[in-house]
């Protein structure tokens, strides 16, 4: 078992909000964690094994509460169900650009080389972005986003400060999920002038305030319990003692 934090929902949300606003805080809040192994979700939640599979949202939420998390941007409690009990089961899933699809075809084009990636970007992706920008309805988008955020905030519960994810604050990102790793990253290396048109690199400068602790987007099955326990204990330590803790 882990030591369940004794703080309350209001103090935890306040710590997260103060950090977002750049206010001085004593502790460092813990950000969202996303454990993919069902049995470890149950264990972090302090629930009997099988609880997550039977009723995923309450078990996932309890895992975050017990781990000491203060804020989430993504809220995807059912996402671990896209994998099997013990990890990714490729035999049961449709292949994609990043999970071994043998032949990738986009808009009638075979994406089988870095040159094909560049051609698709120039012929289809860039014009589509321009067209999407031209027909963008800001009022409708804001309304849709706020309604979605409210639904997620209610489901995440009172312990979590719900922060916007990229649906609210889009940022440049690598498109390997569309084109696949090999050809996309070869295009990235061979045609930087084309890639520069689709995104700008972000500068990673950590400010003195506004720091959240987090980890990888997903914690893959097979991570030992001792590691997850240390993660939760580390979150609690820095939440209580702050950046300068020994």
Protein backbone atom coordinates (compact mmCIF):
# COMPACT_ATOMS: atom_id res chain seq x y z
CA UNK A 1 0.00 0.00 0.00
CA UNK A 2 0.98 3.65 -0.32
CA UNK A 3 0.45 6.40 2.22
CA UNK A 4 -2.77 8.08 1.14
CA UNK A 5 -2.37 11.88 1.28
CA UNK A 6 -4.24 13.53 4.12
CA UNK A 7 -4.76 16.87 2.39
CA UNK A 8 -8.17 17.81 1.04
CA UNK A 9 -9.61 18.60 -2.36
CA UNK A 10 -9.65 22.37 -1.85
CA UNK A 11 -6.03 22.64 -0.70
CA UNK A 12 -4.87 20.41 -3.53
CA UNK A 13 -6.71 22.37 -6.20
CA UNK A 14 -5.43 25.64 -4.72
CA UNK A 15 -1.83 24.43 -4.85
CA UNK A 16 -2.28 23.55 -8.52
CA UNK A 17 -3.98 26.85 -9.38
CA UNK A 18 -1.37 28.94 -7.54
CA UNK A 19 1.33 27.13 -9.50
CA UNK A 20 -0.42 27.77 -12.81
CA UNK A 21 -0.72 31.47 -11.92
CA UNK A 22 2.97 31.69 -11.01
CA UNK A 23 2.38 32.39 -7.34
CA UNK A 24 4.92 31.31 -4.73
CA UNK A 25 4.02 27.96 -3.15
CA UNK A 26 5.52 25.85 -0.43
CA UNK A 27 5.05 22.60 -2.27
CA UNK A 28 5.14 21.41 -5.86
CA UNK A 29 1.88 19.87 -7.09
CA UNK A 30 1.82 16.52 -8.82
CA UNK A 31 0.42 16.46 -12.32
CA UNK A 32 -1.63 13.72 -13.99
CA UNK A 33 -0.20 10.23 -14.29
CA UNK A 34 -1.54 7.65 -16.71
CA UNK A 35 -0.92 4.07 -15.67
CA UNK A 36 -1.89 1.54 -18.35
CA UNK A 37 -1.64 -1.67 -16.33
CA UNK A 38 -5.07 -2.45 -14.88
CA UNK A 39 -3.81 -4.25 -11.78
CA UNK A 40 -1.55 -1.32 -10.89
CA UNK A 41 -4.43 1.13 -11.27
CA UNK A 42 -6.34 -0.98 -8.76
CA UNK A 43 -3.34 -1.18 -6.45
CA UNK A 44 -2.68 2.58 -6.50
CA UNK A 45 -6.39 3.13 -5.93
CA UNK A 46 -6.40 0.76 -2.96
CA UNK A 47 -9.13 -1.34 -4.56
CA UNK A 48 -9.50 -5.08 -5.14
CA UNK A 49 -8.00 -6.36 -8.37
CA UNK A 50 -10.57 -6.26 -11.13
CA UNK A 51 -12.13 -3.00 -9.93
CA UNK A 52 -10.80 -0.95 -12.82
CA UNK A 53 -11.97 -3.41 -15.45
CA UNK A 54 -15.44 -3.59 -13.89
CA UNK A 55 -15.90 0.17 -13.31
CA UNK A 56 -13.04 2.15 -14.86
CA UNK A 57 -13.86 5.79 -14.10
CA UNK A 58 -14.13 5.61 -10.26
CA UNK A 59 -11.07 3.36 -10.01
CA UNK A 60 -8.98 5.60 -12.29
CA UNK A 61 -10.07 8.70 -10.37
CA UNK A 62 -9.21 7.07 -7.05
CA UNK A 63 -5.77 6.13 -8.39
CA UNK A 64 -5.05 9.79 -9.12
CA UNK A 65 -6.35 10.91 -5.74
CA UNK A 66 -4.26 8.35 -3.84
CA UNK A 67 -1.16 9.12 -5.91
CA UNK A 68 -1.42 12.75 -4.80
CA UNK A 69 -2.24 14.27 -8.18
CA UNK A 70 -3.56 17.81 -8.11
CA UNK A 71 -4.32 18.57 -11.75
CA UNK A 72 -5.07 16.91 -15.07
CA UNK A 73 -5.18 18.20 -18.62
CA UNK A 74 -6.16 15.05 -20.48
CA UNK A 75 -9.00 13.11 -18.91
CA UNK A 76 -8.98 9.66 -20.50
CA UNK A 77 -9.89 7.18 -17.74
CA UNK A 78 -11.07 4.54 -20.22
CA UNK A 79 -7.92 4.68 -22.36
CA UNK A 80 -6.14 1.75 -20.61
CA UNK A 81 -9.02 -0.45 -21.77
CA UNK A 82 -7.70 -0.04 -25.32
CA UNK A 83 -4.92 -2.39 -24.24
CA UNK A 84 -5.24 -5.85 -22.78
CA UNK A 85 -4.91 -6.73 -19.13
CA UNK A 86 -1.16 -7.22 -19.56
CA UNK A 87 -0.37 -4.77 -22.34
CA UNK A 88 -0.86 -4.16 -26.03
CA UNK A 89 -2.43 -7.08 -27.84
CA UNK A 90 -1.61 -6.45 -31.48
CA UNK A 91 -3.60 -9.42 -32.70
CA UNK A 92 -6.83 -7.79 -31.54
CA UNK A 93 -6.17 -4.23 -32.71
CA UNK A 94 -6.28 -2.63 -36.13
CA UNK A 95 -2.80 -1.63 -37.27
CA UNK A 96 -1.98 2.06 -37.57
CA UNK A 97 0.91 4.14 -38.89
CA UNK A 98 2.78 3.65 -35.61
CA UNK A 99 1.78 0.05 -34.82
CA UNK A 100 2.99 -1.88 -37.83
CA UNK A 101 0.60 -1.01 -40.66
CA UNK A 102 2.14 -2.60 -43.77
CA UNK A 103 0.81 -0.13 -46.33
CA UNK A 104 -0.16 3.42 -45.42
CA UNK A 105 -2.42 5.26 -47.87
CA UNK A 106 -3.55 8.85 -47.27
CA UNK A 107 -5.79 10.71 -49.71
CA UNK A 108 -5.07 8.07 -52.33
CA UNK A 109 -1.29 8.41 -51.88
CA UNK A 110 0.99 5.63 -50.71
CA UNK A 111 3.23 6.94 -47.94
CA UNK A 112 6.26 4.76 -48.53
CA UNK A 113 9.16 7.24 -48.48
CA UNK A 114 10.20 10.58 -46.97
CA UNK A 115 9.50 12.17 -50.35
CA UNK A 116 5.93 10.89 -50.18
CA UNK A 117 5.55 12.51 -46.76
CA UNK A 118 6.73 15.85 -48.14
CA UNK A 119 4.48 15.56 -51.18
CA UNK A 120 1.44 14.80 -49.02
CA UNK A 121 2.22 17.70 -46.71
CA UNK A 122 2.43 20.12 -49.62
CA UNK A 123 -0.48 18.76 -51.67
CA UNK A 124 -2.94 17.92 -48.90
CA UNK A 125 -1.95 18.79 -45.34
CA UNK A 126 -0.98 22.43 -45.79
CA UNK A 127 -4.02 23.33 -47.99
CA UNK A 128 -6.29 21.54 -45.50
CA UNK A 129 -4.91 23.66 -42.67
CA UNK A 130 -5.49 26.82 -44.69
CA UNK A 131 -9.06 25.77 -45.52
CA UNK A 132 -9.78 24.85 -41.91
CA UNK A 133 -8.53 28.25 -40.80
CA UNK A 134 -10.74 30.02 -43.35
CA UNK A 135 -13.94 28.31 -42.15
CA UNK A 136 -13.14 28.43 -38.45
CA UNK A 137 -16.11 29.51 -36.28
CA UNK A 138 -14.63 30.87 -33.05
CA UNK A 139 -17.91 31.17 -31.13
CA UNK A 140 -18.93 27.61 -31.94
CA UNK A 141 -15.46 26.30 -31.09
CA UNK A 142 -15.39 28.07 -27.74
CA UNK A 143 -18.85 26.78 -26.86
CA UNK A 144 -17.93 23.22 -27.81
CA UNK A 145 -14.68 23.33 -25.87
CA UNK A 146 -16.20 24.74 -22.70
CA UNK A 147 -18.99 22.19 -22.74
CA UNK A 148 -16.46 19.40 -23.11
CA UNK A 149 -14.27 20.79 -20.34
CA UNK A 150 -17.24 20.97 -17.99
CA UNK A 151 -18.13 17.34 -18.66
CA UNK A 152 -14.57 16.23 -17.98
CA UNK A 153 -14.24 18.41 -14.88
CA UNK A 154 -17.36 16.87 -13.38
CA UNK A 155 -16.14 13.34 -14.07
CA UNK A 156 -12.62 14.02 -12.74
CA UNK A 157 -14.07 15.01 -9.39
CA UNK A 158 -13.25 17.62 -6.76
CA UNK A 159 -9.61 16.66 -6.12
CA UNK A 160 -8.38 17.65 -9.58
CA UNK A 161 -7.90 21.08 -11.11
CA UNK A 162 -8.95 20.52 -14.73
CA UNK A 163 -6.47 22.23 -17.04
CA UNK A 164 -6.87 22.67 -20.79
CA UNK A 165 -5.40 20.12 -23.11
CA UNK A 166 -4.40 20.74 -26.72
CA UNK A 167 -8.03 20.93 -27.82
CA UNK A 168 -8.06 24.30 -26.06
CA UNK A 169 -4.44 25.31 -26.57
CA UNK A 170 -3.13 23.69 -29.74
CA UNK A 171 0.63 23.62 -30.20
CA UNK A 172 2.99 22.45 -32.95
CA UNK A 173 3.65 18.74 -32.83
CA UNK A 174 5.38 16.03 -34.78
CA UNK A 175 3.10 14.21 -37.24
CA UNK A 176 4.58 10.73 -36.91
CA UNK A 177 1.17 9.49 -35.79
CA UNK A 178 -0.11 10.30 -39.29
CA UNK A 179 2.85 9.28 -41.44
CA UNK A 180 4.63 6.67 -39.33
CA UNK A 181 7.96 6.98 -37.57
CA UNK A 182 10.42 5.94 -40.27
CA UNK A 183 9.37 8.02 -43.26
CA UNK A 184 8.28 11.03 -41.22
CA UNK A 185 11.53 11.35 -39.31
CA UNK A 186 13.58 10.79 -42.46
CA UNK A 187 11.62 13.64 -44.04
CA UNK A 188 12.23 15.69 -40.90
CA UNK A 189 15.98 15.22 -41.35
CA UNK A 190 16.14 15.54 -45.14
CA UNK A 191 13.69 18.39 -45.75
CA UNK A 192 13.88 20.79 -42.79
CA UNK A 193 12.61 23.73 -44.85
CA UNK A 194 9.34 21.86 -45.48
CA UNK A 195 8.99 20.78 -41.89
CA UNK A 196 9.54 24.35 -40.73
CA UNK A 197 6.32 25.29 -42.47
CA UNK A 198 4.21 22.93 -40.38
CA UNK A 199 5.52 23.74 -36.91
CA UNK A 200 8.00 25.78 -34.93
CA UNK A 201 10.24 24.24 -32.36
CA UNK A 202 9.36 25.21 -28.80
CA UNK A 203 12.01 26.50 -26.42
CA UNK A 204 12.23 24.57 -23.21
CA UNK A 205 13.10 27.10 -20.52
CA UNK A 206 11.87 26.17 -17.10
CA UNK A 207 10.68 29.24 -15.15
CA UNK A 208 11.17 29.60 -11.43
CA UNK A 209 7.41 29.45 -10.87
CA UNK A 210 4.74 27.44 -12.63
CA UNK A 211 6.44 24.06 -12.19
CA UNK A 212 4.46 20.82 -12.18
CA UNK A 213 5.83 17.34 -11.60
CA UNK A 214 4.73 14.69 -14.03
CA UNK A 215 6.02 11.69 -15.93
CA UNK A 216 5.50 10.00 -19.26
CA UNK A 217 2.09 10.28 -20.89
CA UNK A 218 1.56 6.57 -20.25
CA UNK A 219 3.05 4.18 -17.72
CA UNK A 220 3.40 0.95 -19.65
CA UNK A 221 2.52 -2.44 -18.17
CA UNK A 222 5.43 -4.15 -16.46
CA UNK A 223 6.64 -1.23 -14.33
CA UNK A 224 7.36 -2.69 -10.86
CA UNK A 225 5.13 -1.76 -7.95
CA UNK A 226 8.13 -0.35 -6.08
CA UNK A 227 8.67 2.20 -8.87
CA UNK A 228 5.04 3.35 -8.79
CA UNK A 229 5.16 3.58 -5.01
CA UNK A 230 8.32 5.71 -5.20
CA UNK A 231 6.63 7.94 -7.79
CA UNK A 232 3.65 8.61 -5.53
CA UNK A 233 5.92 9.17 -2.50
CA UNK A 234 8.08 11.59 -4.50
CA UNK A 235 5.01 13.55 -5.59
CA UNK A 236 3.94 13.88 -1.97
CA UNK A 237 7.42 14.89 -0.79
CA UNK A 238 7.80 17.74 -3.27
CA UNK A 239 4.18 18.82 -2.90
CA UNK A 240 4.77 19.32 0.81
CA UNK A 241 8.35 20.67 0.77
CA UNK A 242 8.80 22.37 -2.58
CA UNK A 243 11.61 22.77 -5.09
CA UNK A 244 14.39 23.22 -2.54
CA UNK A 245 13.61 20.04 -0.63
CA UNK A 246 16.63 17.89 0.07
